[in-house]
Amino acid sequence: MHETLEALGRYRILPAAVGFDGPETVLPLCDALIAGGMPVLEITLRAAGGMEAIRLATSERPGVLVGAGTVLTPKQAEQALAAGARYLVSPGLDPDLVRISQNAGIPILPGVATPTEVQTAIKLGLEAVKFFPASILGGAKAIAALNGPFPGMKFVPTGGVNLETLEPYLLMKTILACGGTWMFGRGLITNGNFDAITWAAQTTMDLVTRVTPQNN
């Protein structure tokens, strides 16, 4: 497995910052996550400042595992890689995006929702996929069912995953990491409440430590 995916598997959490209108908050956000024992950050490209936030975070906080989320087009993928993203995350399975990431030697977590898409991902040489939207698709039970025919695939459930619903996923060895926005709360980033983000990260990582299966 790619070393970046292995690192995600050690932390088991993939926090996603939904939007940066400007990049100025990304460094204190990275510091808050580091303080909470969660040096991982997916910066989505839903807002105009996302790409610059990736560039700033990767250059100034190299100890944080920064990736680009909501990657929809080849142009976005190429720009994110040029900005220093160490992995890409996409809501859907696009072979063009997969090829770009593979050619760059960078992992991608494309979204899947069906067995057909998982099988296609395997054919494309992928080791892990995003399961999205997880809560609507059946959550941990759905992933357990997919694990039967696809035992080698690792999943990153996102969509409706939060601190209250996290434990069933963490108990599963087929789960690489769990993605979500719960540690950022409503307005915590824009209001500069980084102590609350650190607390949420610490609380989450405490749960990860308690319930992650041995030899995961």
N, C-alpha and C. Protein backbone atom coordinates (compact mmCIF):
# COMPACT_ATOMS: atom_id res chain seq x y z
N MET A 1 0.84 -1.20 0.00
CA MET A 1 0.00 0.00 0.00
C MET A 1 0.87 1.25 0.00
N HIS A 2 0.42 2.29 -0.68
CA HIS A 2 1.16 3.54 -0.74
C HIS A 2 1.40 4.09 0.67
N GLU A 3 2.58 4.66 0.89
CA GLU A 3 2.94 5.12 2.23
C GLU A 3 1.99 6.18 2.76
N THR A 4 1.42 7.00 1.89
CA THR A 4 0.47 8.02 2.35
C THR A 4 -0.80 7.36 2.85
N LEU A 5 -1.28 6.34 2.16
CA LEU A 5 -2.45 5.61 2.63
C LEU A 5 -2.16 4.89 3.93
N GLU A 6 -0.95 4.38 4.07
CA GLU A 6 -0.58 3.74 5.33
C GLU A 6 -0.62 4.74 6.48
N ALA A 7 -0.18 5.97 6.20
CA ALA A 7 -0.22 7.00 7.24
C ALA A 7 -1.65 7.33 7.61
N LEU A 8 -2.53 7.46 6.62
CA LEU A 8 -3.94 7.69 6.91
C LEU A 8 -4.51 6.55 7.75
N GLY A 9 -4.07 5.34 7.44
CA GLY A 9 -4.55 4.19 8.19
C GLY A 9 -4.09 4.18 9.64
N ARG A 10 -2.98 4.82 9.91
CA ARG A 10 -2.52 4.90 11.31
C ARG A 10 -3.37 5.90 12.10
N TYR A 11 -3.72 7.00 11.48
CA TYR A 11 -4.55 7.99 12.17
C TYR A 11 -6.02 7.62 12.15
N ARG A 12 -6.47 6.96 11.08
CA ARG A 12 -7.83 6.45 10.93
C ARG A 12 -8.89 7.54 10.83
N ILE A 13 -8.48 8.78 10.72
CA ILE A 13 -9.40 9.90 10.59
C ILE A 13 -8.91 10.80 9.46
N LEU A 14 -9.85 11.27 8.65
CA LEU A 14 -9.53 12.19 7.57
C LEU A 14 -10.43 13.42 7.70
N PRO A 15 -10.00 14.43 8.46
CA PRO A 15 -10.82 15.63 8.64
C PRO A 15 -10.84 16.47 7.38
N ALA A 16 -12.03 16.90 6.99
CA ALA A 16 -12.19 17.67 5.76
C ALA A 16 -12.67 19.09 6.08
N ALA A 17 -11.87 20.07 5.71
CA ALA A 17 -12.25 21.47 5.84
C ALA A 17 -12.99 21.86 4.56
N VAL A 18 -14.25 22.20 4.71
CA VAL A 18 -15.14 22.32 3.54
C VAL A 18 -14.80 23.50 2.65
N GLY A 19 -14.40 24.63 3.21
CA GLY A 19 -14.14 25.75 2.33
C GLY A 19 -13.26 26.82 2.95
N PHE A 20 -12.36 27.36 2.15
CA PHE A 20 -11.52 28.47 2.57
C PHE A 20 -11.75 29.62 1.59
N ASP A 21 -12.46 30.64 2.03
CA ASP A 21 -12.61 31.83 1.19
C ASP A 21 -11.27 32.54 1.04
N GLY A 22 -10.42 32.40 2.06
CA GLY A 22 -9.06 32.92 2.02
C GLY A 22 -8.18 31.96 2.78
N PRO A 23 -6.89 31.89 2.47
CA PRO A 23 -6.01 30.88 3.06
C PRO A 23 -5.47 31.23 4.43
N GLU A 24 -5.81 32.41 4.96
CA GLU A 24 -5.13 32.89 6.16
C GLU A 24 -5.40 32.04 7.40
N THR A 25 -6.48 31.27 7.40
CA THR A 25 -6.79 30.47 8.59
C THR A 25 -6.20 29.07 8.53
N VAL A 26 -5.58 28.69 7.43
CA VAL A 26 -5.17 27.30 7.30
C VAL A 26 -4.02 26.95 8.23
N LEU A 27 -3.09 27.86 8.49
CA LEU A 27 -1.96 27.53 9.35
C LEU A 27 -2.38 27.36 10.81
N PRO A 28 -3.18 28.28 11.39
CA PRO A 28 -3.66 28.00 12.76
C PRO A 28 -4.55 26.77 12.83
N LEU A 29 -5.24 26.45 11.74
CA LEU A 29 -6.04 25.23 11.71
C LEU A 29 -5.13 24.01 11.76
N CYS A 30 -4.07 24.01 10.97
CA CYS A 30 -3.10 22.92 11.02
C CYS A 30 -2.51 22.78 12.42
N ASP A 31 -2.18 23.90 13.05
CA ASP A 31 -1.61 23.87 14.39
C ASP A 31 -2.59 23.27 15.40
N ALA A 32 -3.87 23.60 15.23
CA ALA A 32 -4.89 23.06 16.13
C ALA A 32 -5.00 21.55 15.98
N LEU A 33 -4.93 21.06 14.75
CA LEU A 33 -5.00 19.62 14.52
C LEU A 33 -3.76 18.91 15.06
N ILE A 34 -2.60 19.52 14.88
CA ILE A 34 -1.37 18.94 15.42
C ILE A 34 -1.48 18.83 16.94
N ALA A 35 -1.95 19.89 17.58
CA ALA A 35 -2.09 19.89 19.04
C ALA A 35 -3.07 18.82 19.51
N GLY A 36 -4.05 18.50 18.66
CA GLY A 36 -5.02 17.47 19.01
C GLY A 36 -4.61 16.07 18.62
N GLY A 37 -3.38 15.90 18.12
CA GLY A 37 -2.89 14.57 17.75
C GLY A 37 -3.44 14.06 16.44
N MET A 38 -3.91 14.97 15.57
CA MET A 38 -4.52 14.60 14.30
C MET A 38 -3.89 15.44 13.17
N PRO A 39 -2.64 15.17 12.83
CA PRO A 39 -1.97 15.98 11.81
C PRO A 39 -2.33 15.58 10.38
N VAL A 40 -3.60 15.64 10.09
CA VAL A 40 -4.14 15.25 8.78
C VAL A 40 -5.18 16.29 8.39
N LEU A 41 -5.21 16.66 7.10
CA LEU A 41 -6.19 17.63 6.67
C LEU A 41 -6.48 17.49 5.18
N GLU A 42 -7.75 17.26 4.87
CA GLU A 42 -8.23 17.32 3.50
C GLU A 42 -8.82 18.72 3.28
N ILE A 43 -8.24 19.46 2.36
CA ILE A 43 -8.73 20.80 2.05
C ILE A 43 -9.55 20.71 0.77
N THR A 44 -10.85 20.91 0.89
CA THR A 44 -11.70 20.76 -0.29
C THR A 44 -11.59 21.99 -1.19
N LEU A 45 -11.92 21.78 -2.44
CA LEU A 45 -11.83 22.84 -3.44
C LEU A 45 -13.18 23.47 -3.72
N ARG A 46 -14.05 23.47 -2.72
CA ARG A 46 -15.39 24.04 -2.90
C ARG A 46 -15.40 25.56 -2.87
N ALA A 47 -14.35 26.17 -2.33
CA ALA A 47 -14.27 27.63 -2.27
C ALA A 47 -13.00 28.08 -2.97
N ALA A 48 -12.98 29.34 -3.35
CA ALA A 48 -11.90 29.87 -4.19
C ALA A 48 -10.53 29.78 -3.52
N GLY A 49 -10.49 29.84 -2.19
CA GLY A 49 -9.21 29.85 -1.50
C GLY A 49 -8.61 28.48 -1.23
N GLY A 50 -9.28 27.43 -1.65
CA GLY A 50 -8.82 26.08 -1.33
C GLY A 50 -7.45 25.75 -1.87
N MET A 51 -7.19 26.10 -3.13
CA MET A 51 -5.92 25.74 -3.74
C MET A 51 -4.76 26.47 -3.07
N GLU A 52 -4.95 27.75 -2.78
CA GLU A 52 -3.89 28.50 -2.12
C GLU A 52 -3.68 27.99 -0.70
N ALA A 53 -4.76 27.56 -0.04
CA ALA A 53 -4.63 26.99 1.30
C ALA A 53 -3.79 25.71 1.27
N ILE A 54 -3.98 24.90 0.24
CA ILE A 54 -3.17 23.68 0.08
C ILE A 54 -1.70 24.05 -0.09
N ARG A 55 -1.44 25.02 -0.95
CA ARG A 55 -0.07 25.45 -1.21
C ARG A 55 0.60 25.97 0.07
N LEU A 56 -0.12 26.75 0.84
CA LEU A 56 0.43 27.33 2.06
C LEU A 56 0.66 26.26 3.12
N ALA A 57 -0.31 25.39 3.29
CA ALA A 57 -0.20 24.36 4.32
C ALA A 57 0.93 23.38 4.02
N THR A 58 1.06 22.96 2.76
CA THR A 58 2.11 22.00 2.43
C THR A 58 3.50 22.60 2.55
N SER A 59 3.63 23.89 2.31
CA SER A 59 4.95 24.52 2.40
C SER A 59 5.31 24.91 3.82
N GLU A 60 4.32 25.33 4.62
CA GLU A 60 4.61 25.84 5.95
C GLU A 60 4.38 24.82 7.06
N ARG A 61 3.58 23.79 6.80
CA ARG A 61 3.32 22.77 7.81
C ARG A 61 3.54 21.39 7.19
N PRO A 62 4.79 21.07 6.83
CA PRO A 62 5.06 19.79 6.14
C PRO A 62 4.75 18.56 6.99
N GLY A 63 4.62 18.74 8.30
CA GLY A 63 4.29 17.61 9.16
C GLY A 63 2.83 17.21 9.13
N VAL A 64 2.00 18.00 8.46
CA VAL A 64 0.58 17.69 8.32
C VAL A 64 0.35 17.01 6.98
N LEU A 65 -0.40 15.94 7.02
CA LEU A 65 -0.69 15.16 5.81
C LEU A 65 -1.84 15.84 5.07
N VAL A 66 -1.49 16.73 4.14
CA VAL A 66 -2.48 17.58 3.47
C VAL A 66 -2.83 17.01 2.10
N GLY A 67 -4.13 16.93 1.84
CA GLY A 67 -4.61 16.50 0.53
C GLY A 67 -5.69 17.43 0.01
N ALA A 68 -6.06 17.22 -1.23
CA ALA A 68 -7.10 18.03 -1.88
C ALA A 68 -8.37 17.22 -2.01
N GLY A 69 -9.49 17.83 -1.59
CA GLY A 69 -10.78 17.15 -1.68
C GLY A 69 -11.71 17.82 -2.68
N THR A 70 -12.80 17.13 -2.98
CA THR A 70 -13.78 17.58 -3.97
C THR A 70 -13.07 17.91 -5.29
N VAL A 71 -12.16 17.04 -5.68
CA VAL A 71 -11.47 17.18 -6.97
C VAL A 71 -12.39 16.62 -8.05
N LEU A 72 -12.77 17.47 -8.99
CA LEU A 72 -13.77 17.09 -9.98
C LEU A 72 -13.23 17.01 -11.41
N THR A 73 -12.14 17.70 -11.71
CA THR A 73 -11.66 17.79 -13.09
C THR A 73 -10.16 17.49 -13.15
N PRO A 74 -9.68 17.07 -14.32
CA PRO A 74 -8.23 16.89 -14.48
C PRO A 74 -7.44 18.15 -14.17
N LYS A 75 -7.96 19.31 -14.56
CA LYS A 75 -7.26 20.56 -14.28
C LYS A 75 -7.10 20.77 -12.78
N GLN A 76 -8.16 20.54 -12.02
CA GLN A 76 -8.07 20.68 -10.57
C GLN A 76 -7.05 19.70 -9.99
N ALA A 77 -7.06 18.47 -10.51
CA ALA A 77 -6.12 17.46 -10.01
C ALA A 77 -4.69 17.90 -10.25
N GLU A 78 -4.40 18.39 -11.45
CA GLU A 78 -3.05 18.82 -11.77
C GLU A 78 -2.63 20.02 -10.94
N GLN A 79 -3.55 20.96 -10.74
CA GLN A 79 -3.24 22.13 -9.92
C GLN A 79 -3.00 21.74 -8.47
N ALA A 80 -3.81 20.82 -7.95
CA ALA A 80 -3.65 20.38 -6.56
C ALA A 80 -2.31 19.68 -6.36
N LEU A 81 -1.92 18.85 -7.31
CA LEU A 81 -0.64 18.17 -7.22
C LEU A 81 0.50 19.17 -7.30
N ALA A 82 0.37 20.17 -8.16
CA ALA A 82 1.39 21.21 -8.26
C ALA A 82 1.48 22.02 -6.98
N ALA A 83 0.36 22.16 -6.28
CA ALA A 83 0.34 22.90 -5.01
C ALA A 83 0.92 22.09 -3.86
N GLY A 84 1.17 20.82 -4.08
CA GLY A 84 1.79 20.00 -3.05
C GLY A 84 0.89 18.99 -2.37
N ALA A 85 -0.34 18.82 -2.85
CA ALA A 85 -1.25 17.86 -2.24
C ALA A 85 -0.63 16.46 -2.26
N ARG A 86 -0.74 15.77 -1.14
CA ARG A 86 -0.14 14.43 -1.03
C ARG A 86 -1.12 13.32 -1.34
N TYR A 87 -2.37 13.67 -1.52
CA TYR A 87 -3.39 12.72 -1.96
C TYR A 87 -4.57 13.54 -2.49
N LEU A 88 -5.39 12.89 -3.31
CA LEU A 88 -6.58 13.52 -3.87
C LEU A 88 -7.80 12.75 -3.40
N VAL A 89 -8.90 13.48 -3.23
CA VAL A 89 -10.17 12.87 -2.86
C VAL A 89 -11.23 13.41 -3.80
N SER A 90 -12.03 12.51 -4.36
CA SER A 90 -13.07 12.91 -5.31
C SER A 90 -14.39 12.28 -4.90
N PRO A 91 -15.52 12.95 -5.13
CA PRO A 91 -16.80 12.37 -4.75
C PRO A 91 -17.23 11.20 -5.64
N GLY A 92 -16.63 11.07 -6.82
CA GLY A 92 -16.99 10.00 -7.73
C GLY A 92 -15.77 9.33 -8.33
N LEU A 93 -16.01 8.25 -9.05
CA LEU A 93 -14.93 7.46 -9.65
C LEU A 93 -14.73 7.89 -11.10
N ASP A 94 -13.66 8.63 -11.36
CA ASP A 94 -13.35 9.13 -12.69
C ASP A 94 -12.00 8.55 -13.11
N PRO A 95 -11.98 7.67 -14.11
CA PRO A 95 -10.71 7.06 -14.53
C PRO A 95 -9.65 8.07 -14.93
N ASP A 96 -10.05 9.22 -15.49
CA ASP A 96 -9.07 10.23 -15.87
C ASP A 96 -8.34 10.77 -14.64
N LEU A 97 -9.08 11.03 -13.56
CA LEU A 97 -8.45 11.52 -12.33
C LEU A 97 -7.55 10.45 -11.72
N VAL A 98 -7.99 9.20 -11.81
CA VAL A 98 -7.17 8.10 -11.29
C VAL A 98 -5.85 8.02 -12.03
N ARG A 99 -5.89 8.14 -13.36
CA ARG A 99 -4.66 8.05 -14.14
C ARG A 99 -3.71 9.21 -13.83
N ILE A 100 -4.25 10.40 -13.66
CA ILE A 100 -3.40 11.55 -13.34
C ILE A 100 -2.69 11.33 -12.01
N SER A 101 -3.42 10.87 -11.01
CA SER A 101 -2.80 10.65 -9.70
C SER A 101 -1.77 9.52 -9.77
N GLN A 102 -2.10 8.45 -10.47
CA GLN A 102 -1.17 7.33 -10.57
C GLN A 102 0.10 7.72 -11.31
N ASN A 103 -0.03 8.51 -12.37
CA ASN A 103 1.14 8.96 -13.11
C ASN A 103 2.04 9.84 -12.25
N ALA A 104 1.43 10.55 -11.29
CA ALA A 104 2.20 11.41 -10.39
C ALA A 104 2.72 10.64 -9.17
N GLY A 105 2.31 9.39 -9.03
CA GLY A 105 2.73 8.60 -7.87
C GLY A 105 2.05 9.02 -6.59
N ILE A 106 0.87 9.63 -6.71
CA ILE A 106 0.11 10.13 -5.57
C ILE A 106 -1.21 9.37 -5.47
N PRO A 107 -1.61 8.92 -4.28
CA PRO A 107 -2.86 8.17 -4.18
C PRO A 107 -4.09 9.05 -4.34
N ILE A 108 -5.16 8.44 -4.79
CA ILE A 108 -6.45 9.11 -4.90
C ILE A 108 -7.50 8.24 -4.23
N LEU A 109 -8.45 8.89 -3.58
CA LEU A 109 -9.58 8.20 -2.95
C LEU A 109 -10.84 8.65 -3.68
N PRO A 110 -11.24 7.93 -4.73
CA PRO A 110 -12.46 8.29 -5.44
C PRO A 110 -13.69 7.74 -4.73
N GLY A 111 -14.79 8.44 -4.86
CA GLY A 111 -16.01 8.00 -4.22
C GLY A 111 -16.67 6.86 -4.98
N VAL A 112 -17.15 5.86 -4.23
CA VAL A 112 -17.92 4.76 -4.81
C VAL A 112 -19.19 4.58 -3.99
N ALA A 113 -20.20 4.00 -4.65
CA ALA A 113 -21.47 3.76 -3.97
C ALA A 113 -22.04 2.38 -4.27
N THR A 114 -21.44 1.66 -5.21
CA THR A 114 -22.00 0.37 -5.65
C THR A 114 -20.90 -0.67 -5.82
N PRO A 115 -21.27 -1.97 -5.82
CA PRO A 115 -20.29 -3.01 -6.10
C PRO A 115 -19.62 -2.84 -7.46
N THR A 116 -20.38 -2.39 -8.45
CA THR A 116 -19.81 -2.18 -9.78
C THR A 116 -18.68 -1.17 -9.73
N GLU A 117 -18.87 -0.09 -8.97
CA GLU A 117 -17.83 0.93 -8.87
C GLU A 117 -16.62 0.41 -8.10
N VAL A 118 -16.84 -0.38 -7.07
CA VAL A 118 -15.72 -0.98 -6.35
C VAL A 118 -14.92 -1.88 -7.28
N GLN A 119 -15.62 -2.68 -8.06
CA GLN A 119 -14.96 -3.59 -9.00
C GLN A 119 -14.17 -2.81 -10.05
N THR A 120 -14.73 -1.71 -10.50
CA THR A 120 -14.03 -0.85 -11.46
C THR A 120 -12.78 -0.25 -10.83
N ALA A 121 -12.89 0.16 -9.57
CA ALA A 121 -11.74 0.72 -8.86
C ALA A 121 -10.61 -0.30 -8.74
N ILE A 122 -10.96 -1.55 -8.48
CA ILE A 122 -9.96 -2.61 -8.41
C ILE A 122 -9.29 -2.79 -9.77
N LYS A 123 -10.08 -2.76 -10.82
CA LYS A 123 -9.54 -2.89 -12.18
C LYS A 123 -8.56 -1.76 -12.50
N LEU A 124 -8.81 -0.58 -11.92
CA LEU A 124 -7.93 0.57 -12.13
C LEU A 124 -6.69 0.53 -11.24
N GLY A 125 -6.61 -0.47 -10.40
CA GLY A 125 -5.42 -0.64 -9.56
C GLY A 125 -5.47 0.07 -8.24
N LEU A 126 -6.67 0.45 -7.77
CA LEU A 126 -6.79 1.19 -6.53
C LEU A 126 -6.81 0.26 -5.32
N GLU A 127 -6.24 0.75 -4.23
CA GLU A 127 -6.18 -0.02 -2.98
C GLU A 127 -7.20 0.44 -1.96
N ALA A 128 -7.72 1.65 -2.14
CA ALA A 128 -8.68 2.20 -1.19
C ALA A 128 -9.61 3.15 -1.93
N VAL A 129 -10.84 3.25 -1.45
CA VAL A 129 -11.83 4.13 -2.07
C VAL A 129 -12.62 4.84 -0.98
N LYS A 130 -13.19 5.95 -1.35
CA LYS A 130 -14.11 6.69 -0.48
C LYS A 130 -15.51 6.09 -0.65
N PHE A 131 -16.19 5.81 0.45
CA PHE A 131 -17.57 5.30 0.39
C PHE A 131 -18.49 6.46 0.71
N PHE A 132 -19.21 6.94 -0.30
CA PHE A 132 -19.94 8.20 -0.16
C PHE A 132 -21.25 8.18 -0.95
N PRO A 133 -22.34 8.70 -0.32
CA PRO A 133 -22.49 9.18 1.06
C PRO A 133 -22.81 8.02 2.01
N ALA A 134 -21.95 7.79 2.97
CA ALA A 134 -21.97 6.57 3.76
C ALA A 134 -23.28 6.35 4.51
N SER A 135 -23.79 7.37 5.18
CA SER A 135 -24.99 7.16 6.00
C SER A 135 -26.20 6.81 5.15
N ILE A 136 -26.31 7.38 3.98
CA ILE A 136 -27.44 7.10 3.10
C ILE A 136 -27.33 5.72 2.46
N LEU A 137 -26.10 5.27 2.24
CA LEU A 137 -25.87 4.00 1.55
C LEU A 137 -25.90 2.80 2.48
N GLY A 138 -26.07 3.02 3.77
CA GLY A 138 -26.16 1.89 4.69
C GLY A 138 -25.05 1.79 5.71
N GLY A 139 -24.13 2.74 5.67
CA GLY A 139 -23.11 2.83 6.71
C GLY A 139 -22.22 1.62 6.83
N ALA A 140 -21.88 1.29 8.08
CA ALA A 140 -20.94 0.20 8.36
C ALA A 140 -21.47 -1.15 7.86
N LYS A 141 -22.78 -1.35 7.92
CA LYS A 141 -23.34 -2.63 7.45
C LYS A 141 -23.15 -2.80 5.96
N ALA A 142 -23.29 -1.72 5.21
CA ALA A 142 -23.09 -1.79 3.77
C ALA A 142 -21.63 -2.11 3.43
N ILE A 143 -20.71 -1.47 4.15
CA ILE A 143 -19.30 -1.74 3.90
C ILE A 143 -18.95 -3.17 4.27
N ALA A 144 -19.54 -3.69 5.35
CA ALA A 144 -19.30 -5.08 5.73
C ALA A 144 -19.77 -6.03 4.63
N ALA A 145 -20.90 -5.70 4.00
CA ALA A 145 -21.38 -6.53 2.89
C ALA A 145 -20.45 -6.47 1.70
N LEU A 146 -19.91 -5.30 1.40
CA LEU A 146 -18.97 -5.15 0.28
C LEU A 146 -17.65 -5.86 0.57
N ASN A 147 -17.30 -5.98 1.83
CA ASN A 147 -16.05 -6.64 2.19
C ASN A 147 -16.04 -8.11 1.79
N GLY A 148 -17.24 -8.72 1.69
CA GLY A 148 -17.31 -10.13 1.30
C GLY A 148 -16.69 -10.39 -0.06
N PRO A 149 -17.22 -9.79 -1.14
CA PRO A 149 -16.65 -10.03 -2.46
C PRO A 149 -15.36 -9.25 -2.72
N PHE A 150 -15.08 -8.23 -1.92
CA PHE A 150 -13.90 -7.40 -2.17
C PHE A 150 -13.05 -7.29 -0.90
N PRO A 151 -12.49 -8.41 -0.43
CA PRO A 151 -11.81 -8.41 0.88
C PRO A 151 -10.52 -7.59 0.90
N GLY A 152 -9.94 -7.32 -0.26
CA GLY A 152 -8.69 -6.57 -0.28
C GLY A 152 -8.85 -5.07 -0.32
N MET A 153 -10.07 -4.60 -0.52
CA MET A 153 -10.30 -3.16 -0.65
C MET A 153 -10.48 -2.50 0.71
N LYS A 154 -9.86 -1.34 0.88
CA LYS A 154 -10.04 -0.53 2.07
C LYS A 154 -11.01 0.62 1.75
N PHE A 155 -11.80 1.01 2.74
CA PHE A 155 -12.82 2.02 2.53
C PHE A 155 -12.61 3.21 3.46
N VAL A 156 -12.98 4.39 2.95
CA VAL A 156 -12.99 5.62 3.74
C VAL A 156 -14.40 6.16 3.71
N PRO A 157 -15.23 5.82 4.69
CA PRO A 157 -16.61 6.31 4.69
C PRO A 157 -16.67 7.80 5.01
N THR A 158 -17.45 8.52 4.25
CA THR A 158 -17.71 9.93 4.51
C THR A 158 -19.17 10.22 4.18
N GLY A 159 -19.68 11.29 4.76
CA GLY A 159 -21.09 11.63 4.54
C GLY A 159 -21.94 11.10 5.67
N GLY A 160 -22.26 11.96 6.63
CA GLY A 160 -23.05 11.54 7.78
C GLY A 160 -22.23 10.87 8.87
N VAL A 161 -20.90 10.86 8.72
CA VAL A 161 -20.04 10.30 9.76
C VAL A 161 -19.70 11.41 10.75
N ASN A 162 -19.87 11.13 12.03
CA ASN A 162 -19.54 12.11 13.06
C ASN A 162 -19.12 11.37 14.32
N LEU A 163 -18.85 12.11 15.38
CA LEU A 163 -18.34 11.48 16.60
C LEU A 163 -19.32 10.48 17.18
N GLU A 164 -20.62 10.71 17.01
CA GLU A 164 -21.64 9.81 17.54
C GLU A 164 -21.77 8.52 16.72
N THR A 165 -21.45 8.58 15.44
CA THR A 165 -21.62 7.40 14.57
C THR A 165 -20.30 6.74 14.21
N LEU A 166 -19.21 7.21 14.78
CA LEU A 166 -17.87 6.80 14.37
C LEU A 166 -17.50 5.38 14.78
N GLU A 167 -17.88 4.97 15.99
CA GLU A 167 -17.36 3.74 16.56
C GLU A 167 -17.59 2.49 15.71
N PRO A 168 -18.79 2.26 15.16
CA PRO A 168 -18.97 1.04 14.35
C PRO A 168 -17.99 0.94 13.18
N TYR A 169 -17.65 2.08 12.60
CA TYR A 169 -16.67 2.07 11.51
C TYR A 169 -15.28 1.72 12.02
N LEU A 170 -14.89 2.31 13.14
CA LEU A 170 -13.55 2.10 13.67
C LEU A 170 -13.31 0.65 14.08
N LEU A 171 -14.38 -0.05 14.40
CA LEU A 171 -14.26 -1.46 14.80
C LEU A 171 -13.98 -2.39 13.62
N MET A 172 -14.07 -1.87 12.40
CA MET A 172 -13.92 -2.69 11.20
C MET A 172 -12.51 -2.57 10.62
N LYS A 173 -11.86 -3.69 10.39
CA LYS A 173 -10.51 -3.67 9.85
C LYS A 173 -10.48 -3.25 8.38
N THR A 174 -11.59 -3.35 7.70
CA THR A 174 -11.64 -2.94 6.30
C THR A 174 -11.70 -1.43 6.13
N ILE A 175 -11.90 -0.72 7.23
CA ILE A 175 -11.94 0.75 7.18
C ILE A 175 -10.52 1.29 7.29
N LEU A 176 -10.10 2.04 6.28
CA LEU A 176 -8.79 2.68 6.33
C LEU A 176 -8.83 3.89 7.26
N ALA A 177 -9.80 4.77 7.03
CA ALA A 177 -9.99 5.97 7.83
C ALA A 177 -11.42 6.44 7.65
N CYS A 178 -11.85 7.31 8.53
CA CYS A 178 -13.21 7.86 8.47
C CYS A 178 -13.12 9.36 8.20
N GLY A 179 -13.84 9.81 7.19
CA GLY A 179 -13.78 11.22 6.82
C GLY A 179 -14.98 11.99 7.33
N GLY A 180 -14.76 13.27 7.64
CA GLY A 180 -15.87 14.09 8.09
C GLY A 180 -15.41 15.47 8.49
N THR A 181 -16.39 16.26 8.92
CA THR A 181 -16.14 17.66 9.27
C THR A 181 -16.46 17.96 10.73
N TRP A 182 -16.80 16.92 11.51
CA TRP A 182 -17.35 17.17 12.85
C TRP A 182 -16.37 17.90 13.77
N MET A 183 -15.08 17.70 13.59
CA MET A 183 -14.13 18.35 14.50
C MET A 183 -14.02 19.86 14.27
N PHE A 184 -14.62 20.34 13.19
CA PHE A 184 -14.58 21.77 12.91
C PHE A 184 -15.83 22.51 13.38
N GLY A 185 -16.90 21.76 13.66
CA GLY A 185 -18.11 22.37 14.18
C GLY A 185 -18.67 23.44 13.26
N ARG A 186 -19.67 24.12 13.71
CA ARG A 186 -20.29 25.18 12.91
C ARG A 186 -19.60 26.52 13.20
N GLY A 187 -18.86 27.01 12.23
CA GLY A 187 -18.23 28.32 12.36
C GLY A 187 -16.96 28.37 13.18
N LEU A 188 -16.42 27.22 13.60
CA LEU A 188 -15.23 27.25 14.45
C LEU A 188 -14.03 27.81 13.70
N ILE A 189 -13.92 27.49 12.40
CA ILE A 189 -12.78 27.98 11.62
C ILE A 189 -12.92 29.48 11.37
N THR A 190 -14.09 29.89 10.86
CA THR A 190 -14.27 31.30 10.52
C THR A 190 -14.24 32.19 11.76
N ASN A 191 -14.64 31.64 12.91
CA ASN A 191 -14.61 32.43 14.15
C ASN A 191 -13.28 32.34 14.89
N GLY A 192 -12.35 31.54 14.33
CA GLY A 192 -11.04 31.43 14.95
C GLY A 192 -11.02 30.68 16.27
N ASN A 193 -11.98 29.79 16.47
CA ASN A 193 -12.06 29.05 17.73
C ASN A 193 -11.23 27.76 17.61
N PHE A 194 -9.93 27.92 17.54
CA PHE A 194 -9.05 26.79 17.27
C PHE A 194 -8.86 25.90 18.49
N ASP A 195 -9.05 26.44 19.70
CA ASP A 195 -8.98 25.60 20.90
C ASP A 195 -10.09 24.54 20.87
N ALA A 196 -11.27 24.91 20.38
CA ALA A 196 -12.37 23.95 20.28
C ALA A 196 -12.05 22.87 19.25
N ILE A 197 -11.37 23.24 18.19
CA ILE A 197 -10.97 22.26 17.18
C ILE A 197 -9.95 21.29 17.76
N THR A 198 -9.00 21.81 18.52
CA THR A 198 -8.03 20.94 19.19
C THR A 198 -8.73 19.96 20.13
N TRP A 199 -9.68 20.46 20.90
CA TRP A 199 -10.42 19.58 21.82
C TRP A 199 -11.16 18.48 21.05
N ALA A 200 -11.82 18.85 19.96
CA ALA A 200 -12.56 17.86 19.17
C ALA A 200 -11.62 16.84 18.55
N ALA A 201 -10.45 17.29 18.10
CA ALA A 201 -9.47 16.36 17.54
C ALA A 201 -8.97 15.40 18.61
N GLN A 202 -8.67 15.91 19.80
CA GLN A 202 -8.22 15.06 20.89
C GLN A 202 -9.28 14.04 21.29
N THR A 203 -10.53 14.49 21.38
CA THR A 203 -11.62 13.59 21.74
C THR A 203 -11.78 12.49 20.72
N THR A 204 -11.66 12.85 19.45
CA THR A 204 -11.77 11.87 18.38
C THR A 204 -10.63 10.86 18.44
N MET A 205 -9.42 11.35 18.62
CA MET A 205 -8.27 10.44 18.64
C MET A 205 -8.27 9.55 19.87
N ASP A 206 -8.83 10.03 20.97
CA ASP A 206 -8.99 9.17 22.14
C ASP A 206 -9.92 8.00 21.82
N LEU A 207 -11.00 8.28 21.09
CA LEU A 207 -11.91 7.22 20.70
C LEU A 207 -11.22 6.25 19.74
N VAL A 208 -10.47 6.77 18.80
CA VAL A 208 -9.72 5.92 17.86
C VAL A 208 -8.82 4.96 18.63
N THR A 209 -8.09 5.48 19.60
CA THR A 209 -7.18 4.65 20.38
C THR A 209 -7.92 3.56 21.15
N ARG A 210 -9.10 3.89 21.66
CA ARG A 210 -9.84 2.92 22.48
C ARG A 210 -10.43 1.79 21.66
N VAL A 211 -10.91 2.07 20.46
CA VAL A 211 -11.72 1.05 19.77
C VAL A 211 -11.08 0.47 18.53
N THR A 212 -9.96 0.98 18.05
CA THR A 212 -9.34 0.42 16.85
C THR A 212 -8.89 -1.02 17.11
N PRO A 213 -9.26 -1.97 16.25
CA PRO A 213 -8.85 -3.36 16.45
C PRO A 213 -7.32 -3.49 16.40
N GLN A 214 -6.81 -4.44 17.15
CA GLN A 214 -5.39 -4.72 17.11
C GLN A 214 -5.01 -5.24 15.73
N ASN A 215 -3.79 -4.89 15.30
CA ASN A 215 -3.29 -5.32 13.98
C ASN A 215 -4.19 -4.86 12.86
N ASN A 216 -4.75 -3.65 13.04
CA ASN A 216 -5.66 -3.12 12.00
C ASN A 216 -4.90 -2.87 10.68
